[in-house]
Amino acid sequence: MLELMHFPEELLDASEFKAPAAKSIRKNEMQMAKQLIESMASKWEPRQYNDEYHKALEKMIERKIQSGGKPAPARLRRSVLLTSWT
């Protein structure tokens, strides 16, 4: 999950928000939108994705356990994406 933080001046009070006016969509526009979505859709294949962050985190934790809580040597820290966590 990705979370974007905002500065206070970037936020609006809910009472200040004005929703755009509703517009009707022509039949051919709706058909084109559906065709575009269908052409870009594909079956979800979760096996083709790897959680590299989780793997790197587990490796770092294991090394820390093995070292008795001491920071990993510098040569190992560079190879891990989570360098700020060591």
PDB file of N, CA and C in Angstrom:
ATOM      1  N   MET A   1       0.849  -1.166   0.000  1.00  0.00           N
ATOM      2  CA  MET A   1       0.000   0.000   0.000  1.00  0.00           C
ATOM      3  C   MET A   1       0.901   1.237   0.000  1.00  0.00           C
ATOM      4  N   LEU A   2       0.519   2.195  -0.782  1.00  0.00           N
ATOM      5  CA  LEU A   2       1.276   3.430  -0.865  1.00  0.00           C
ATOM      6  C   LEU A   2       0.460   4.534  -0.205  1.00  0.00           C
ATOM      7  N   GLU A   3       1.089   5.311   0.641  1.00  0.00           N
ATOM      8  CA  GLU A   3       0.413   6.391   1.344  1.00  0.00           C
ATOM      9  C   GLU A   3       1.146   7.687   1.042  1.00  0.00           C
ATOM     10  N   LEU A   4       0.432   8.696   0.603  1.00  0.00           N
ATOM     11  CA  LEU A   4       1.025   9.984   0.275  1.00  0.00           C
ATOM     12  C   LEU A   4       0.689  10.974   1.379  1.00  0.00           C
ATOM     13  N   MET A   5       1.709  11.577   1.947  1.00  0.00           N
ATOM     14  CA  MET A   5       1.490  12.565   3.006  1.00  0.00           C
ATOM     15  C   MET A   5       1.412  13.952   2.371  1.00  0.00           C
ATOM     16  N   HIS A   6       0.597  14.805   2.962  1.00  0.00           N
ATOM     17  CA  HIS A   6       0.407  16.155   2.442  1.00  0.00           C
ATOM     18  C   HIS A   6       0.753  17.188   3.512  1.00  0.00           C
ATOM     19  N   PHE A   7       1.192  18.355   3.051  1.00  0.00           N
ATOM     20  CA  PHE A   7       1.396  19.483   3.948  1.00  0.00           C
ATOM     21  C   PHE A   7       0.035  20.093   4.260  1.00  0.00           C
ATOM     22  N   PRO A   8      -0.112  20.732   5.414  1.00  0.00           N
ATOM     23  CA  PRO A   8      -1.415  21.298   5.783  1.00  0.00           C
ATOM     24  C   PRO A   8      -2.007  22.245   4.748  1.00  0.00           C
ATOM     25  N   GLU A   9      -1.159  23.043   4.078  1.00  0.00           N
ATOM     26  CA  GLU A   9      -1.679  23.992   3.089  1.00  0.00           C
ATOM     27  C   GLU A   9      -2.196  23.305   1.825  1.00  0.00           C
ATOM     28  N   GLU A  10      -1.900  22.019   1.659  1.00  0.00           N
ATOM     29  CA  GLU A  10      -2.387  21.270   0.501  1.00  0.00           C
ATOM     30  C   GLU A  10      -3.767  20.657   0.733  1.00  0.00           C
ATOM     31  N   LEU A  11      -4.244  20.720   1.960  1.00  0.00           N
ATOM     32  CA  LEU A  11      -5.514  20.086   2.303  1.00  0.00           C
ATOM     33  C   LEU A  11      -6.662  21.090   2.268  1.00  0.00           C
ATOM     34  N   LEU A  12      -7.819  20.608   1.867  1.00  0.00           N
ATOM     35  CA  LEU A  12      -9.037  21.419   1.875  1.00  0.00           C
ATOM     36  C   LEU A  12      -9.960  20.935   2.970  1.00  0.00           C
ATOM     37  N   ASP A  13     -10.665  21.849   3.568  1.00  0.00           N
ATOM     38  CA  ASP A  13     -11.722  21.464   4.485  1.00  0.00           C
ATOM     39  C   ASP A  13     -12.841  20.860   3.642  1.00  0.00           C
ATOM     40  N   ALA A  14     -13.517  19.860   4.138  1.00  0.00           N
ATOM     41  CA  ALA A  14     -14.560  19.181   3.370  1.00  0.00           C
ATOM     42  C   ALA A  14     -15.644  20.153   2.907  1.00  0.00           C
ATOM     43  N   SER A  15     -15.899  21.186   3.691  1.00  0.00           N
ATOM     44  CA  SER A  15     -16.933  22.154   3.307  1.00  0.00           C
ATOM     45  C   SER A  15     -16.509  23.002   2.101  1.00  0.00           C
ATOM     46  N   GLU A  16     -15.211  23.089   1.831  1.00  0.00           N
ATOM     47  CA  GLU A  16     -14.701  23.863   0.702  1.00  0.00           C
ATOM     48  C   GLU A  16     -14.680  23.071  -0.600  1.00  0.00           C
ATOM     49  N   PHE A  17     -14.825  21.767  -0.521  1.00  0.00           N
ATOM     50  CA  PHE A  17     -14.745  20.922  -1.702  1.00  0.00           C
ATOM     51  C   PHE A  17     -16.022  21.020  -2.524  1.00  0.00           C
ATOM     52  N   LYS A  18     -15.873  21.240  -3.816  1.00  0.00           N
ATOM     53  CA  LYS A  18     -17.013  21.312  -4.721  1.00  0.00           C
ATOM     54  C   LYS A  18     -16.852  20.215  -5.761  1.00  0.00           C
ATOM     55  N   ALA A  19     -17.772  19.278  -5.754  1.00  0.00           N
ATOM     56  CA  ALA A  19     -17.720  18.166  -6.712  1.00  0.00           C
ATOM     57  C   ALA A  19     -18.048  18.691  -8.105  1.00  0.00           C
ATOM     58  N   PRO A  20     -17.432  18.124  -9.125  1.00  0.00           N
ATOM     59  CA  PRO A  20     -17.744  18.560 -10.489  1.00  0.00           C
ATOM     60  C   PRO A  20     -19.196  18.225 -10.847  1.00  0.00           C
ATOM     61  N   ALA A  21     -19.756  19.030 -11.720  1.00  0.00           N
ATOM     62  CA  ALA A  21     -21.135  18.804 -12.144  1.00  0.00           C
ATOM     63  C   ALA A  21     -21.222  17.501 -12.939  1.00  0.00           C
ATOM     64  N   ALA A  22     -22.308  16.780 -12.748  1.00  0.00           N
ATOM     65  CA  ALA A  22     -22.508  15.516 -13.454  1.00  0.00           C
ATOM     66  C   ALA A  22     -22.770  15.800 -14.935  1.00  0.00           C
ATOM     67  N   LYS A  23     -22.173  14.984 -15.790  1.00  0.00           N
ATOM     68  CA  LYS A  23     -22.386  15.114 -17.233  1.00  0.00           C
ATOM     69  C   LYS A  23     -22.844  13.767 -17.763  1.00  0.00           C
ATOM     70  N   SER A  24     -23.650  13.818 -18.775  1.00  0.00           N
ATOM     71  CA  SER A  24     -24.078  12.562 -19.376  1.00  0.00           C
ATOM     72  C   SER A  24     -23.018  12.086 -20.361  1.00  0.00           C
ATOM     73  N   ILE A  25     -22.906  10.773 -20.483  1.00  0.00           N
ATOM     74  CA  ILE A  25     -21.920  10.175 -21.381  1.00  0.00           C
ATOM     75  C   ILE A  25     -22.658   9.579 -22.567  1.00  0.00           C
ATOM     76  N   ARG A  26     -22.143   9.878 -23.749  1.00  0.00           N
ATOM     77  CA  ARG A  26     -22.773   9.327 -24.942  1.00  0.00           C
ATOM     78  C   ARG A  26     -22.488   7.831 -25.035  1.00  0.00           C
ATOM     79  N   LYS A  27     -23.370   7.133 -25.738  1.00  0.00           N
ATOM     80  CA  LYS A  27     -23.279   5.689 -25.857  1.00  0.00           C
ATOM     81  C   LYS A  27     -21.944   5.263 -26.478  1.00  0.00           C
ATOM     82  N   ASN A  28     -21.498   5.964 -27.531  1.00  0.00           N
ATOM     83  CA  ASN A  28     -20.238   5.584 -28.182  1.00  0.00           C
ATOM     84  C   ASN A  28     -19.026   5.838 -27.280  1.00  0.00           C
ATOM     85  N   GLU A  29     -19.090   6.856 -26.402  1.00  0.00           N
ATOM     86  CA  GLU A  29     -18.001   7.105 -25.457  1.00  0.00           C
ATOM     87  C   GLU A  29     -17.910   5.978 -24.430  1.00  0.00           C
ATOM     88  N   MET A  30     -19.065   5.527 -23.953  1.00  0.00           N
ATOM     89  CA  MET A  30     -19.093   4.430 -22.991  1.00  0.00           C
ATOM     90  C   MET A  30     -18.571   3.147 -23.627  1.00  0.00           C
ATOM     91  N   GLN A  31     -18.941   2.900 -24.866  1.00  0.00           N
ATOM     92  CA  GLN A  31     -18.480   1.711 -25.575  1.00  0.00           C
ATOM     93  C   GLN A  31     -16.963   1.754 -25.748  1.00  0.00           C
ATOM     94  N   MET A  32     -16.419   2.915 -26.118  1.00  0.00           N
ATOM     95  CA  MET A  32     -14.983   3.067 -26.291  1.00  0.00           C
ATOM     96  C   MET A  32     -14.261   2.852 -24.960  1.00  0.00           C
ATOM     97  N   ALA A  33     -14.798   3.377 -23.882  1.00  0.00           N
ATOM     98  CA  ALA A  33     -14.180   3.206 -22.568  1.00  0.00           C
ATOM     99  C   ALA A  33     -14.157   1.733 -22.171  1.00  0.00           C
ATOM    100  N   LYS A  34     -15.254   1.032 -22.400  1.00  0.00           N
ATOM    101  CA  LYS A  34     -15.314  -0.397 -22.076  1.00  0.00           C
ATOM    102  C   LYS A  34     -14.324  -1.191 -22.912  1.00  0.00           C
ATOM    103  N   GLN A  35     -14.194  -0.854 -24.195  1.00  0.00           N
ATOM    104  CA  GLN A  35     -13.241  -1.545 -25.059  1.00  0.00           C
ATOM    105  C   GLN A  35     -11.805  -1.316 -24.586  1.00  0.00           C
ATOM    106  N   LEU A  36     -11.511  -0.101 -24.180  1.00  0.00           N
ATOM    107  CA  LEU A  36     -10.167   0.215 -23.690  1.00  0.00           C
ATOM    108  C   LEU A  36      -9.858  -0.596 -22.441  1.00  0.00           C
ATOM    109  N   ILE A  37     -10.787  -0.644 -21.509  1.00  0.00           N
ATOM    110  CA  ILE A  37     -10.585  -1.400 -20.270  1.00  0.00           C
ATOM    111  C   ILE A  37     -10.404  -2.883 -20.579  1.00  0.00           C
ATOM    112  N   GLU A  38     -11.246  -3.418 -21.441  1.00  0.00           N
ATOM    113  CA  GLU A  38     -11.148  -4.835 -21.797  1.00  0.00           C
ATOM    114  C   GLU A  38      -9.822  -5.148 -22.484  1.00  0.00           C
ATOM    115  N   SER A  39      -9.340  -4.242 -23.328  1.00  0.00           N
ATOM    116  CA  SER A  39      -8.085  -4.494 -24.046  1.00  0.00           C
ATOM    117  C   SER A  39      -6.877  -4.460 -23.109  1.00  0.00           C
ATOM    118  N   MET A  40      -6.985  -3.749 -21.997  1.00  0.00           N
ATOM    119  CA  MET A  40      -5.868  -3.642 -21.064  1.00  0.00           C
ATOM    120  C   MET A  40      -5.966  -4.627 -19.911  1.00  0.00           C
ATOM    121  N   ALA A  41      -7.116  -5.262 -19.753  1.00  0.00           N
ATOM    122  CA  ALA A  41      -7.314  -6.187 -18.644  1.00  0.00           C
ATOM    123  C   ALA A  41      -6.633  -7.516 -18.934  1.00  0.00           C
ATOM    124  N   SER A  42      -6.160  -8.147 -17.870  1.00  0.00           N
ATOM    125  CA  SER A  42      -5.574  -9.475 -17.998  1.00  0.00           C
ATOM    126  C   SER A  42      -5.841 -10.239 -16.708  1.00  0.00           C
ATOM    127  N   LYS A  43      -5.671 -11.546 -16.779  1.00  0.00           N
ATOM    128  CA  LYS A  43      -5.889 -12.378 -15.613  1.00  0.00           C
ATOM    129  C   LYS A  43      -4.803 -12.088 -14.584  1.00  0.00           C
ATOM    130  N   TRP A  44      -5.178 -11.994 -13.325  1.00  0.00           N
ATOM    131  CA  TRP A  44      -4.239 -11.729 -12.233  1.00  0.00           C
ATOM    132  C   TRP A  44      -3.421 -12.980 -11.975  1.00  0.00           C
ATOM    133  N   GLU A  45      -2.120 -12.852 -12.108  1.00  0.00           N
ATOM    134  CA  GLU A  45      -1.187 -13.950 -11.881  1.00  0.00           C
ATOM    135  C   GLU A  45      -0.235 -13.558 -10.749  1.00  0.00           C
ATOM    136  N   PRO A  46      -0.624 -13.797  -9.489  1.00  0.00           N
ATOM    137  CA  PRO A  46       0.207 -13.356  -8.366  1.00  0.00           C
ATOM    138  C   PRO A  46       1.578 -14.011  -8.313  1.00  0.00           C
ATOM    139  N   ARG A  47       1.736 -15.198  -8.906  1.00  0.00           N
ATOM    140  CA  ARG A  47       3.028 -15.890  -8.872  1.00  0.00           C
ATOM    141  C   ARG A  47       4.106 -15.161  -9.679  1.00  0.00           C
ATOM    142  N   GLN A  48       3.718 -14.275 -10.576  1.00  0.00           N
ATOM    143  CA  GLN A  48       4.723 -13.576 -11.370  1.00  0.00           C
ATOM    144  C   GLN A  48       5.314 -12.366 -10.647  1.00  0.00           C
ATOM    145  N   TYR A  49       4.834 -12.096  -9.438  1.00  0.00           N
ATOM    146  CA  TYR A  49       5.342 -10.969  -8.652  1.00  0.00           C
ATOM    147  C   TYR A  49       6.084 -11.494  -7.425  1.00  0.00           C
ATOM    148  N   ASN A  50       7.185 -10.847  -7.076  1.00  0.00           N
ATOM    149  CA  ASN A  50       7.977 -11.218  -5.905  1.00  0.00           C
ATOM    150  C   ASN A  50       8.040 -10.045  -4.947  1.00  0.00           C
ATOM    151  N   ASP A  51       7.947 -10.338  -3.677  1.00  0.00           N
ATOM    152  CA  ASP A  51       8.030  -9.309  -2.650  1.00  0.00           C
ATOM    153  C   ASP A  51       9.499  -9.143  -2.249  1.00  0.00           C
ATOM    154  N   GLU A  52      10.243  -8.366  -3.025  1.00  0.00           N
ATOM    155  CA  GLU A  52      11.672  -8.165  -2.784  1.00  0.00           C
ATOM    156  C   GLU A  52      11.920  -7.454  -1.455  1.00  0.00           C
ATOM    157  N   TYR A  53      11.050  -6.549  -1.096  1.00  0.00           N
ATOM    158  CA  TYR A  53      11.192  -5.815   0.166  1.00  0.00           C
ATOM    159  C   TYR A  53      11.139  -6.787   1.344  1.00  0.00           C
ATOM    160  N   HIS A  54      10.144  -7.665   1.339  1.00  0.00           N
ATOM    161  CA  HIS A  54       9.975  -8.619   2.430  1.00  0.00           C
ATOM    162  C   HIS A  54      11.178  -9.560   2.522  1.00  0.00           C
ATOM    163  N   LYS A  55      11.664 -10.039   1.375  1.00  0.00           N
ATOM    164  CA  LYS A  55      12.822 -10.925   1.365  1.00  0.00           C
ATOM    165  C   LYS A  55      14.050 -10.212   1.949  1.00  0.00           C
ATOM    166  N   ALA A  56      14.294  -8.981   1.539  1.00  0.00           N
ATOM    167  CA  ALA A  56      15.445  -8.219   2.035  1.00  0.00           C
ATOM    168  C   ALA A  56      15.315  -7.958   3.528  1.00  0.00           C
ATOM    169  N   LEU A  57      14.106  -7.671   3.982  1.00  0.00           N
ATOM    170  CA  LEU A  57      13.868  -7.429   5.406  1.00  0.00           C
ATOM    171  C   LEU A  57      14.144  -8.690   6.221  1.00  0.00           C
ATOM    172  N   GLU A  58      13.666  -9.833   5.742  1.00  0.00           N
ATOM    173  CA  GLU A  58      13.922 -11.091   6.443  1.00  0.00           C
ATOM    174  C   GLU A  58      15.415 -11.397   6.524  1.00  0.00           C
ATOM    175  N   LYS A  59      16.154 -11.161   5.438  1.00  0.00           N
ATOM    176  CA  LYS A  59      17.601 -11.392   5.440  1.00  0.00           C
ATOM    177  C   LYS A  59      18.290 -10.490   6.460  1.00  0.00           C
ATOM    178  N   MET A  60      17.882  -9.229   6.482  1.00  0.00           N
ATOM    179  CA  MET A  60      18.501  -8.289   7.395  1.00  0.00           C
ATOM    180  C   MET A  60      18.231  -8.690   8.847  1.00  0.00           C
ATOM    181  N   ILE A  61      17.005  -9.099   9.140  1.00  0.00           N
ATOM    182  CA  ILE A  61      16.651  -9.515  10.500  1.00  0.00           C
ATOM    183  C   ILE A  61      17.444 -10.755  10.895  1.00  0.00           C
ATOM    184  N   GLU A  62      17.551 -11.700   9.995  1.00  0.00           N
ATOM    185  CA  GLU A  62      18.307 -12.931  10.276  1.00  0.00           C
ATOM    186  C   GLU A  62      19.773 -12.613  10.559  1.00  0.00           C
ATOM    187  N   ARG A  63      20.384 -11.733   9.768  1.00  0.00           N
ATOM    188  CA  ARG A  63      21.782 -11.353  10.002  1.00  0.00           C
ATOM    189  C   ARG A  63      21.941 -10.668  11.354  1.00  0.00           C
ATOM    190  N   LYS A  64      20.966  -9.839  11.706  1.00  0.00           N
ATOM    191  CA  LYS A  64      21.041  -9.131  12.983  1.00  0.00           C
ATOM    192  C   LYS A  64      20.932 -10.119  14.141  1.00  0.00           C
ATOM    193  N   ILE A  65      20.074 -11.126  14.000  1.00  0.00           N
ATOM    194  CA  ILE A  65      19.947 -12.157  15.029  1.00  0.00           C
ATOM    195  C   ILE A  65      21.259 -12.915  15.165  1.00  0.00           C
ATOM    196  N   GLN A  66      21.846 -13.293  14.033  1.00  0.00           N
ATOM    197  CA  GLN A  66      23.089 -14.056  14.051  1.00  0.00           C
ATOM    198  C   GLN A  66      24.257 -13.253  14.615  1.00  0.00           C
ATOM    199  N   SER A  67      24.224 -11.946  14.448  1.00  0.00           N
ATOM    200  CA  SER A  67      25.325 -11.108  14.944  1.00  0.00           C
ATOM    201  C   SER A  67      25.088 -10.654  16.381  1.00  0.00           C
ATOM    202  N   GLY A  68      24.025 -11.133  17.007  1.00  0.00           N
ATOM    203  CA  GLY A  68      23.752 -10.756  18.394  1.00  0.00           C
ATOM    204  C   GLY A  68      23.237  -9.343  18.537  1.00  0.00           C
ATOM    205  N   GLY A  69      22.618  -8.810  17.518  1.00  0.00           N
ATOM    206  CA  GLY A  69      22.055  -7.464  17.580  1.00  0.00           C
ATOM    207  C   GLY A  69      23.005  -6.372  17.129  1.00  0.00           C
ATOM    208  N   LYS A  70      24.239  -6.755  16.773  1.00  0.00           N
ATOM    209  CA  LYS A  70      25.202  -5.765  16.294  1.00  0.00           C
ATOM    210  C   LYS A  70      24.894  -5.432  14.842  1.00  0.00           C
ATOM    211  N   PRO A  71      25.203  -4.212  14.401  1.00  0.00           N
ATOM    212  CA  PRO A  71      24.978  -3.868  12.989  1.00  0.00           C
ATOM    213  C   PRO A  71      25.783  -4.773  12.071  1.00  0.00           C
ATOM    214  N   ALA A  72      25.230  -5.053  10.911  1.00  0.00           N
ATOM    215  CA  ALA A  72      25.920  -5.880   9.922  1.00  0.00           C
ATOM    216  C   ALA A  72      27.147  -5.135   9.403  1.00  0.00           C
ATOM    217  N   PRO A  73      28.182  -5.871   8.984  1.00  0.00           N
ATOM    218  CA  PRO A  73      29.354  -5.199   8.398  1.00  0.00           C
ATOM    219  C   PRO A  73      28.952  -4.328   7.216  1.00  0.00           C
ATOM    220  N   ALA A  74      29.723  -3.282   6.957  1.00  0.00           N
ATOM    221  CA  ALA A  74      29.391  -2.308   5.905  1.00  0.00           C
ATOM    222  C   ALA A  74      29.233  -2.968   4.548  1.00  0.00           C
ATOM    223  N   ARG A  75      30.052  -3.961   4.217  1.00  0.00           N
ATOM    224  CA  ARG A  75      29.953  -4.588   2.899  1.00  0.00           C
ATOM    225  C   ARG A  75      28.612  -5.288   2.719  1.00  0.00           C
ATOM    226  N   LEU A  76      28.011  -5.782   3.783  1.00  0.00           N
ATOM    227  CA  LEU A  76      26.696  -6.405   3.682  1.00  0.00           C
ATOM    228  C   LEU A  76      25.592  -5.358   3.614  1.00  0.00           C
ATOM    229  N   ARG A  77      25.753  -4.294   4.368  1.00  0.00           N
ATOM    230  CA  ARG A  77      24.720  -3.268   4.388  1.00  0.00           C
ATOM    231  C   ARG A  77      24.497  -2.657   3.012  1.00  0.00           C
ATOM    232  N   ARG A  78      25.538  -2.499   2.226  1.00  0.00           N
ATOM    233  CA  ARG A  78      25.377  -1.891   0.909  1.00  0.00           C
ATOM    234  C   ARG A  78      24.548  -2.762  -0.021  1.00  0.00           C
ATOM    235  N   SER A  79      24.564  -4.063   0.164  1.00  0.00           N
ATOM    236  CA  SER A  79      23.852  -4.955  -0.735  1.00  0.00           C
ATOM    237  C   SER A  79      22.368  -5.058  -0.396  1.00  0.00           C
ATOM    238  N   VAL A  80      21.950  -4.490   0.715  1.00  0.00           N
ATOM    239  CA  VAL A  80      20.559  -4.568   1.150  1.00  0.00           C
ATOM    240  C   VAL A  80      19.895  -3.225   0.905  1.00  0.00           C
ATOM    241  N   LEU A  81      18.680  -3.257   0.389  1.00  0.00           N
ATOM    242  CA  LEU A  81      17.951  -2.022   0.112  1.00  0.00           C
ATOM    243  C   LEU A  81      17.565  -1.275   1.380  1.00  0.00           C
ATOM    244  N   LEU A  82      17.508  -1.963   2.487  1.00  0.00           N
ATOM    245  CA  LEU A  82      17.014  -1.379   3.732  1.00  0.00           C
ATOM    246  C   LEU A  82      18.147  -0.843   4.604  1.00  0.00           C
ATOM    247  N   THR A  83      19.099  -0.169   4.022  1.00  0.00           N
ATOM    248  CA  THR A  83      20.284   0.260   4.747  1.00  0.00           C
ATOM    249  C   THR A  83      19.948   1.153   5.932  1.00  0.00           C
ATOM    250  N   SER A  84      18.903   1.936   5.852  1.00  0.00           N
ATOM    251  CA  SER A  84      18.589   2.841   6.966  1.00  0.00           C
ATOM    252  C   SER A  84      18.006   2.097   8.153  1.00  0.00           C
ATOM    253  N   TRP A  85      17.677   0.814   8.016  1.00  0.00           N
ATOM    254  CA  TRP A  85      17.102   0.040   9.119  1.00  0.00           C
ATOM    255  C   TRP A  85      18.148  -0.692   9.914  1.00  0.00           C
ATOM    256  N   THR A  86      19.417  -0.673   9.481  1.00  0.00           N
ATOM    257  CA  THR A  86      20.441  -1.441  10.193  1.00  0.00           C
ATOM    258  C   THR A  86      20.994  -0.675  11.347  1.00  0.00           C
TER     259      THR A  86
END
